[in-house]
Amino acid sequence: MVEKVISLICEELGYDEDAVNENTEINELLADGHDIEEIAHIIEGEFYADIADELSGDMTLSQIAEMLE
Protein backbone atom coordinates (compact mmCIF):
# COMPACT_ATOMS: atom_id res chain seq x y z
CA MET A 1 0.00 0.00 0.00
CA VAL A 2 2.81 2.43 0.82
CA GLU A 3 4.25 2.03 -2.68
CA LYS A 4 0.89 3.01 -4.13
CA VAL A 5 0.70 6.11 -1.91
CA ILE A 6 4.25 7.12 -2.88
CA SER A 7 3.55 6.62 -6.56
CA LEU A 8 0.33 8.63 -6.41
CA ILE A 9 1.87 11.54 -4.51
CA CYS A 10 4.88 11.66 -6.82
CA GLU A 11 2.75 11.53 -9.94
CA GLU A 12 0.29 14.18 -8.79
CA LEU A 13 2.80 16.60 -7.26
CA GLY A 14 5.66 16.09 -9.70
CA TYR A 15 8.19 14.49 -7.37
CA ASP A 16 10.80 11.96 -8.43
CA GLU A 17 9.97 8.60 -6.84
CA ASP A 18 13.65 8.12 -6.05
CA ALA A 19 13.52 11.20 -3.79
CA VAL A 20 10.46 10.07 -1.81
CA ASN A 21 10.19 7.03 0.46
CA GLU A 22 7.97 5.59 3.19
CA ASN A 23 9.67 7.77 5.82
CA THR A 24 9.07 11.02 3.95
CA GLU A 25 6.91 13.37 6.00
CA ILE A 26 4.09 15.37 4.45
CA ASN A 27 5.84 18.58 5.54
CA GLU A 28 8.73 17.67 3.24
CA LEU A 29 6.33 17.61 0.28
CA LEU A 30 4.82 21.00 1.04
CA ALA A 31 7.95 22.93 0.03
CA ASP A 32 6.64 23.45 -3.51
CA GLY A 33 3.66 25.46 -2.30
CA HIS A 34 1.29 22.53 -1.96
CA ASP A 35 -0.80 22.46 1.16
CA ILE A 36 -1.93 19.56 3.29
CA GLU A 37 -5.51 19.89 2.01
CA GLU A 38 -4.35 19.26 -1.55
CA ILE A 39 -2.51 16.11 -0.48
CA ALA A 40 -5.60 14.94 1.43
CA HIS A 41 -7.77 15.59 -1.63
CA ILE A 42 -5.45 13.58 -3.87
CA ILE A 43 -5.41 10.61 -1.48
CA GLU A 44 -9.15 10.72 -0.79
CA GLY A 45 -9.92 10.83 -4.51
CA GLU A 46 -7.84 7.76 -5.25
CA PHE A 47 -8.65 5.63 -2.23
CA TYR A 48 -12.21 6.83 -1.47
CA ALA A 49 -11.22 7.47 2.14
CA ASP A 50 -12.03 10.42 4.38
CA ILE A 51 -8.69 11.22 6.01
CA ALA A 52 -8.49 15.02 5.90
CA ASP A 53 -9.33 15.43 9.59
CA GLU A 54 -6.67 12.90 10.62
CA LEU A 55 -3.87 14.07 8.33
CA SER A 56 -1.06 16.12 9.84
CA GLY A 57 2.14 17.50 8.39
CA ASP A 58 4.43 15.38 10.52
CA MET A 59 2.94 12.09 9.30
CA THR A 60 5.05 9.87 7.09
CA LEU A 61 3.79 8.29 3.91
CA SER A 62 3.88 4.88 5.61
CA GLN A 63 1.61 6.22 8.37
CA ILE A 64 -0.82 7.44 5.72
CA ALA A 65 -0.74 4.02 4.05
CA GLU A 66 -1.54 2.39 7.40
CA MET A 67 -4.58 4.67 7.77
CA LEU A 68 -5.84 3.48 4.40
CA GLU A 69 -5.53 -0.25 5.13
PDB file of N, CA and C in Angstrom:
ATOM      1  N   MET A   1       0.819  -1.194   0.000  1.00  0.00           N
ATOM      2  CA  MET A   1       0.000   0.000   0.000  1.00  0.00           C
ATOM      3  C   MET A   1       0.866   1.262   0.000  1.00  0.00           C
ATOM      4  N   VAL A   2       1.968   1.230   0.735  1.00  0.00           N
ATOM      5  CA  VAL A   2       2.809   2.427   0.816  1.00  0.00           C
ATOM      6  C   VAL A   2       3.400   2.773  -0.548  1.00  0.00           C
ATOM      7  N   GLU A   3       3.718   1.766  -1.345  1.00  0.00           N
ATOM      8  CA  GLU A   3       4.252   2.035  -2.682  1.00  0.00           C
ATOM      9  C   GLU A   3       3.218   2.750  -3.540  1.00  0.00           C
ATOM     10  N   LYS A   4       1.969   2.383  -3.382  1.00  0.00           N
ATOM     11  CA  LYS A   4       0.888   3.008  -4.131  1.00  0.00           C
ATOM     12  C   LYS A   4       0.714   4.470  -3.711  1.00  0.00           C
ATOM     13  N   VAL A   5       0.802   4.740  -2.413  1.00  0.00           N
ATOM     14  CA  VAL A   5       0.698   6.107  -1.905  1.00  0.00           C
ATOM     15  C   VAL A   5       1.864   6.951  -2.434  1.00  0.00           C
ATOM     16  N   ILE A   6       3.066   6.413  -2.385  1.00  0.00           N
ATOM     17  CA  ILE A   6       4.249   7.123  -2.880  1.00  0.00           C
ATOM     18  C   ILE A   6       4.097   7.430  -4.360  1.00  0.00           C
ATOM     19  N   SER A   7       3.711   6.437  -5.125  1.00  0.00           N
ATOM     20  CA  SER A   7       3.552   6.617  -6.565  1.00  0.00           C
ATOM     21  C   SER A   7       2.513   7.694  -6.881  1.00  0.00           C
ATOM     22  N   LEU A   8       1.393   7.659  -6.190  1.00  0.00           N
ATOM     23  CA  LEU A   8       0.331   8.631  -6.414  1.00  0.00           C
ATOM     24  C   LEU A   8       0.796  10.044  -6.086  1.00  0.00           C
ATOM     25  N   ILE A   9       1.401  10.218  -4.921  1.00  0.00           N
ATOM     26  CA  ILE A   9       1.872  11.539  -4.506  1.00  0.00           C
ATOM     27  C   ILE A   9       2.906  12.069  -5.498  1.00  0.00           C
ATOM     28  N   CYS A  10       3.842  11.233  -5.888  1.00  0.00           N
ATOM     29  CA  CYS A  10       4.885  11.663  -6.821  1.00  0.00           C
ATOM     30  C   CYS A  10       4.293  12.057  -8.166  1.00  0.00           C
ATOM     31  N   GLU A  11       3.376  11.253  -8.652  1.00  0.00           N
ATOM     32  CA  GLU A  11       2.755  11.530  -9.945  1.00  0.00           C
ATOM     33  C   GLU A  11       1.956  12.836  -9.898  1.00  0.00           C
ATOM     34  N   GLU A  12       1.162  13.009  -8.879  1.00  0.00           N
ATOM     35  CA  GLU A  12       0.289  14.179  -8.786  1.00  0.00           C
ATOM     36  C   GLU A  12       1.036  15.473  -8.476  1.00  0.00           C
ATOM     37  N   LEU A  13       2.092  15.390  -7.690  1.00  0.00           N
ATOM     38  CA  LEU A  13       2.800  16.596  -7.264  1.00  0.00           C
ATOM     39  C   LEU A  13       4.115  16.825  -8.002  1.00  0.00           C
ATOM     40  N   GLY A  14       4.473  15.901  -8.890  1.00  0.00           N
ATOM     41  CA  GLY A  14       5.662  16.091  -9.704  1.00  0.00           C
ATOM     42  C   GLY A  14       6.981  15.788  -9.022  1.00  0.00           C
ATOM     43  N   TYR A  15       6.957  14.893  -8.053  1.00  0.00           N
ATOM     44  CA  TYR A  15       8.189  14.494  -7.373  1.00  0.00           C
ATOM     45  C   TYR A  15       8.779  13.257  -8.031  1.00  0.00           C
ATOM     46  N   ASP A  16      10.094  13.135  -7.963  1.00  0.00           N
ATOM     47  CA  ASP A  16      10.800  11.957  -8.435  1.00  0.00           C
ATOM     48  C   ASP A  16      10.642  10.858  -7.385  1.00  0.00           C
ATOM     49  N   GLU A  17      10.178   9.686  -7.793  1.00  0.00           N
ATOM     50  CA  GLU A  17       9.966   8.595  -6.835  1.00  0.00           C
ATOM     51  C   GLU A  17      11.245   8.179  -6.116  1.00  0.00           C
ATOM     52  N   ASP A  18      12.389   8.447  -6.705  1.00  0.00           N
ATOM     53  CA  ASP A  18      13.653   8.122  -6.052  1.00  0.00           C
ATOM     54  C   ASP A  18      13.943   9.054  -4.880  1.00  0.00           C
ATOM     55  N   ALA A  19      13.281  10.216  -4.842  1.00  0.00           N
ATOM     56  CA  ALA A  19      13.522  11.195  -3.790  1.00  0.00           C
ATOM     57  C   ALA A  19      12.512  11.086  -2.644  1.00  0.00           C
ATOM     58  N   VAL A  20      11.517  10.217  -2.803  1.00  0.00           N
ATOM     59  CA  VAL A  20      10.458  10.066  -1.808  1.00  0.00           C
ATOM     60  C   VAL A  20      10.429   8.615  -1.349  1.00  0.00           C
ATOM     61  N   ASN A  21      10.282   8.398  -0.042  1.00  0.00           N
ATOM     62  CA  ASN A  21      10.188   7.032   0.456  1.00  0.00           C
ATOM     63  C   ASN A  21       9.151   6.962   1.568  1.00  0.00           C
ATOM     64  N   GLU A  22       9.003   5.804   2.172  1.00  0.00           N
ATOM     65  CA  GLU A  22       7.970   5.591   3.186  1.00  0.00           C
ATOM     66  C   GLU A  22       8.169   6.454   4.433  1.00  0.00           C
ATOM     67  N   ASN A  23       9.381   6.936   4.654  1.00  0.00           N
ATOM     68  CA  ASN A  23       9.668   7.767   5.820  1.00  0.00           C
ATOM     69  C   ASN A  23       9.575   9.267   5.536  1.00  0.00           C
ATOM     70  N   THR A  24       9.235   9.626   4.299  1.00  0.00           N
ATOM     71  CA  THR A  24       9.070  11.023   3.948  1.00  0.00           C
ATOM     72  C   THR A  24       7.845  11.580   4.660  1.00  0.00           C
ATOM     73  N   GLU A  25       8.014  12.723   5.309  1.00  0.00           N
ATOM     74  CA  GLU A  25       6.907  13.366   5.997  1.00  0.00           C
ATOM     75  C   GLU A  25       6.169  14.302   5.048  1.00  0.00           C
ATOM     76  N   ILE A  26       4.890  14.483   5.287  1.00  0.00           N
ATOM     77  CA  ILE A  26       4.091  15.371   4.447  1.00  0.00           C
ATOM     78  C   ILE A  26       4.715  16.759   4.382  1.00  0.00           C
ATOM     79  N   ASN A  27       5.217  17.249   5.512  1.00  0.00           N
ATOM     80  CA  ASN A  27       5.843  18.580   5.536  1.00  0.00           C
ATOM     81  C   ASN A  27       6.948  18.722   4.498  1.00  0.00           C
ATOM     82  N   GLU A  28       7.654  17.642   4.221  1.00  0.00           N
ATOM     83  CA  GLU A  28       8.728  17.668   3.236  1.00  0.00           C
ATOM     84  C   GLU A  28       8.184  17.862   1.827  1.00  0.00           C
ATOM     85  N   LEU A  29       6.945  17.494   1.603  1.00  0.00           N
ATOM     86  CA  LEU A  29       6.332  17.605   0.278  1.00  0.00           C
ATOM     87  C   LEU A  29       5.636  18.945   0.076  1.00  0.00           C
ATOM     88  N   LEU A  30       5.536  19.731   1.118  1.00  0.00           N
ATOM     89  CA  LEU A  30       4.823  21.005   1.037  1.00  0.00           C
ATOM     90  C   LEU A  30       5.717  22.153   0.582  1.00  0.00           C
ATOM     91  N   ALA A  31       6.984  21.882   0.389  1.00  0.00           N
ATOM     92  CA  ALA A  31       7.946  22.930   0.035  1.00  0.00           C
ATOM     93  C   ALA A  31       7.624  23.595  -1.301  1.00  0.00           C
ATOM     94  N   ASP A  32       6.941  22.894  -2.186  1.00  0.00           N
ATOM     95  CA  ASP A  32       6.637  23.454  -3.506  1.00  0.00           C
ATOM     96  C   ASP A  32       5.340  24.247  -3.525  1.00  0.00           C
ATOM     97  N   GLY A  33       4.862  24.650  -2.371  1.00  0.00           N
ATOM     98  CA  GLY A  33       3.656  25.458  -2.300  1.00  0.00           C
ATOM     99  C   GLY A  33       2.375  24.661  -2.183  1.00  0.00           C
ATOM    100  N   HIS A  34       2.476  23.362  -2.129  1.00  0.00           N
ATOM    101  CA  HIS A  34       1.292  22.532  -1.956  1.00  0.00           C
ATOM    102  C   HIS A  34       0.905  22.556  -0.482  1.00  0.00           C
ATOM    103  N   ASP A  35      -0.391  22.500  -0.231  1.00  0.00           N
ATOM    104  CA  ASP A  35      -0.796  22.463   1.165  1.00  0.00           C
ATOM    105  C   ASP A  35      -1.352  21.092   1.514  1.00  0.00           C
ATOM    106  N   ILE A  36      -1.520  20.873   2.793  1.00  0.00           N
ATOM    107  CA  ILE A  36      -1.932  19.565   3.288  1.00  0.00           C
ATOM    108  C   ILE A  36      -3.324  19.179   2.768  1.00  0.00           C
ATOM    109  N   GLU A  37      -4.171  20.173   2.531  1.00  0.00           N
ATOM    110  CA  GLU A  37      -5.509  19.890   2.009  1.00  0.00           C
ATOM    111  C   GLU A  37      -5.436  19.312   0.599  1.00  0.00           C
ATOM    112  N   GLU A  38      -4.500  19.792  -0.204  1.00  0.00           N
ATOM    113  CA  GLU A  38      -4.345  19.263  -1.552  1.00  0.00           C
ATOM    114  C   GLU A  38      -3.900  17.798  -1.508  1.00  0.00           C
ATOM    115  N   ILE A  39      -2.970  17.493  -0.619  1.00  0.00           N
ATOM    116  CA  ILE A  39      -2.513  16.110  -0.481  1.00  0.00           C
ATOM    117  C   ILE A  39      -3.663  15.222  -0.005  1.00  0.00           C
ATOM    118  N   ALA A  40      -4.442  15.706   0.957  1.00  0.00           N
ATOM    119  CA  ALA A  40      -5.601  14.944   1.434  1.00  0.00           C
ATOM    120  C   ALA A  40      -6.588  14.703   0.295  1.00  0.00           C
ATOM    121  N   HIS A  41      -6.833  15.718  -0.502  1.00  0.00           N
ATOM    122  CA  HIS A  41      -7.772  15.592  -1.627  1.00  0.00           C
ATOM    123  C   HIS A  41      -7.296  14.543  -2.643  1.00  0.00           C
ATOM    124  N   ILE A  42      -6.017  14.550  -2.928  1.00  0.00           N
ATOM    125  CA  ILE A  42      -5.450  13.575  -3.873  1.00  0.00           C
ATOM    126  C   ILE A  42      -5.643  12.150  -3.343  1.00  0.00           C
ATOM    127  N   ILE A  43      -5.311  11.939  -2.086  1.00  0.00           N
ATOM    128  CA  ILE A  43      -5.408  10.613  -1.481  1.00  0.00           C
ATOM    129  C   ILE A  43      -6.869  10.166  -1.383  1.00  0.00           C
ATOM    130  N   GLU A  44      -7.728  11.070  -0.933  1.00  0.00           N
ATOM    131  CA  GLU A  44      -9.147  10.725  -0.792  1.00  0.00           C
ATOM    132  C   GLU A  44      -9.777  10.378  -2.132  1.00  0.00           C
ATOM    133  N   GLY A  45      -9.384  11.096  -3.183  1.00  0.00           N
ATOM    134  CA  GLY A  45      -9.922  10.830  -4.506  1.00  0.00           C
ATOM    135  C   GLY A  45      -9.525   9.469  -5.054  1.00  0.00           C
ATOM    136  N   GLU A  46      -8.336   9.055  -4.751  1.00  0.00           N
ATOM    137  CA  GLU A  46      -7.835   7.763  -5.253  1.00  0.00           C
ATOM    138  C   GLU A  46      -8.321   6.587  -4.419  1.00  0.00           C
ATOM    139  N   PHE A  47      -8.366   6.753  -3.114  1.00  0.00           N
ATOM    140  CA  PHE A  47      -8.655   5.629  -2.226  1.00  0.00           C
ATOM    141  C   PHE A  47     -10.056   5.674  -1.615  1.00  0.00           C
ATOM    142  N   TYR A  48     -10.837   6.697  -1.984  1.00  0.00           N
ATOM    143  CA  TYR A  48     -12.210   6.831  -1.468  1.00  0.00           C
ATOM    144  C   TYR A  48     -12.243   6.740   0.055  1.00  0.00           C
ATOM    145  N   ALA A  49     -11.334   7.475   0.683  1.00  0.00           N
ATOM    146  CA  ALA A  49     -11.224   7.469   2.144  1.00  0.00           C
ATOM    147  C   ALA A  49     -11.298   8.903   2.646  1.00  0.00           C
ATOM    148  N   ASP A  50     -11.920   9.098   3.776  1.00  0.00           N
ATOM    149  CA  ASP A  50     -12.026  10.420   4.380  1.00  0.00           C
ATOM    150  C   ASP A  50     -10.950  10.542   5.454  1.00  0.00           C
ATOM    151  N   ILE A  51      -9.816  11.141   5.082  1.00  0.00           N
ATOM    152  CA  ILE A  51      -8.689  11.219   6.013  1.00  0.00           C
ATOM    153  C   ILE A  51      -8.278  12.643   6.346  1.00  0.00           C
ATOM    154  N   ALA A  52      -8.919  13.628   5.748  1.00  0.00           N
ATOM    155  CA  ALA A  52      -8.492  15.019   5.901  1.00  0.00           C
ATOM    156  C   ALA A  52      -8.406  15.446   7.357  1.00  0.00           C
ATOM    157  N   ASP A  53      -9.333  15.019   8.187  1.00  0.00           N
ATOM    158  CA  ASP A  53      -9.325  15.426   9.594  1.00  0.00           C
ATOM    159  C   ASP A  53      -8.200  14.775  10.386  1.00  0.00           C
ATOM    160  N   GLU A  54      -7.704  13.644   9.903  1.00  0.00           N
ATOM    161  CA  GLU A  54      -6.672  12.898  10.622  1.00  0.00           C
ATOM    162  C   GLU A  54      -5.260  13.213  10.135  1.00  0.00           C
ATOM    163  N   LEU A  55      -5.156  13.828   8.971  1.00  0.00           N
ATOM    164  CA  LEU A  55      -3.867  14.073   8.335  1.00  0.00           C
ATOM    165  C   LEU A  55      -3.143  15.238   9.011  1.00  0.00           C
ATOM    166  N   SER A  56      -1.868  15.040   9.290  1.00  0.00           N
ATOM    167  CA  SER A  56      -1.059  16.123   9.843  1.00  0.00           C
ATOM    168  C   SER A  56       0.276  16.154   9.115  1.00  0.00           C
ATOM    169  N   GLY A  57       0.902  17.294   9.134  1.00  0.00           N
ATOM    170  CA  GLY A  57       2.136  17.495   8.386  1.00  0.00           C
ATOM    171  C   GLY A  57       3.304  16.644   8.814  1.00  0.00           C
ATOM    172  N   ASP A  58       3.303  16.183  10.066  1.00  0.00           N
ATOM    173  CA  ASP A  58       4.435  15.377  10.520  1.00  0.00           C
ATOM    174  C   ASP A  58       4.234  13.880  10.298  1.00  0.00           C
ATOM    175  N   MET A  59       3.170  13.513   9.611  1.00  0.00           N
ATOM    176  CA  MET A  59       2.937  12.094   9.302  1.00  0.00           C
ATOM    177  C   MET A  59       3.822  11.666   8.138  1.00  0.00           C
ATOM    178  N   THR A  60       4.277  10.422   8.203  1.00  0.00           N
ATOM    179  CA  THR A  60       5.052   9.868   7.090  1.00  0.00           C
ATOM    180  C   THR A  60       4.104   9.213   6.095  1.00  0.00           C
ATOM    181  N   LEU A  61       4.611   8.939   4.922  1.00  0.00           N
ATOM    182  CA  LEU A  61       3.786   8.287   3.908  1.00  0.00           C
ATOM    183  C   LEU A  61       3.405   6.871   4.338  1.00  0.00           C
ATOM    184  N   SER A  62       4.248   6.214   5.121  1.00  0.00           N
ATOM    185  CA  SER A  62       3.883   4.885   5.611  1.00  0.00           C
ATOM    186  C   SER A  62       2.741   4.984   6.627  1.00  0.00           C
ATOM    187  N   GLN A  63       2.712   6.036   7.431  1.00  0.00           N
ATOM    188  CA  GLN A  63       1.611   6.221   8.368  1.00  0.00           C
ATOM    189  C   GLN A  63       0.293   6.473   7.624  1.00  0.00           C
ATOM    190  N   ILE A  64       0.370   7.210   6.539  1.00  0.00           N
ATOM    191  CA  ILE A  64      -0.820   7.441   5.719  1.00  0.00           C
ATOM    192  C   ILE A  64      -1.306   6.124   5.133  1.00  0.00           C
ATOM    193  N   ALA A  65      -0.375   5.312   4.625  1.00  0.00           N
ATOM    194  CA  ALA A  65      -0.741   4.018   4.054  1.00  0.00           C
ATOM    195  C   ALA A  65      -1.418   3.141   5.103  1.00  0.00           C
ATOM    196  N   GLU A  66      -0.923   3.170   6.319  1.00  0.00           N
ATOM    197  CA  GLU A  66      -1.539   2.390   7.402  1.00  0.00           C
ATOM    198  C   GLU A  66      -2.967   2.844   7.678  1.00  0.00           C
ATOM    199  N   MET A  67      -3.221   4.149   7.574  1.00  0.00           N
ATOM    200  CA  MET A  67      -4.583   4.669   7.773  1.00  0.00           C
ATOM    201  C   MET A  67      -5.536   4.143   6.704  1.00  0.00           C
ATOM    202  N   LEU A  68      -5.017   3.899   5.534  1.00  0.00           N
ATOM    203  CA  LEU A  68      -5.845   3.480   4.401  1.00  0.00           C
ATOM    204  C   LEU A  68      -6.120   1.978   4.387  1.00  0.00           C
ATOM    205  N   GLU A  69      -5.370   1.212   5.148  1.00  0.00           N
ATOM    206  CA  GLU A  69      -5.530  -0.247   5.134  1.00  0.00           C
ATOM    207  C   GLU A  69      -6.724  -0.691   5.944  1.00  0.00           C
TER     208      GLU A  69
END
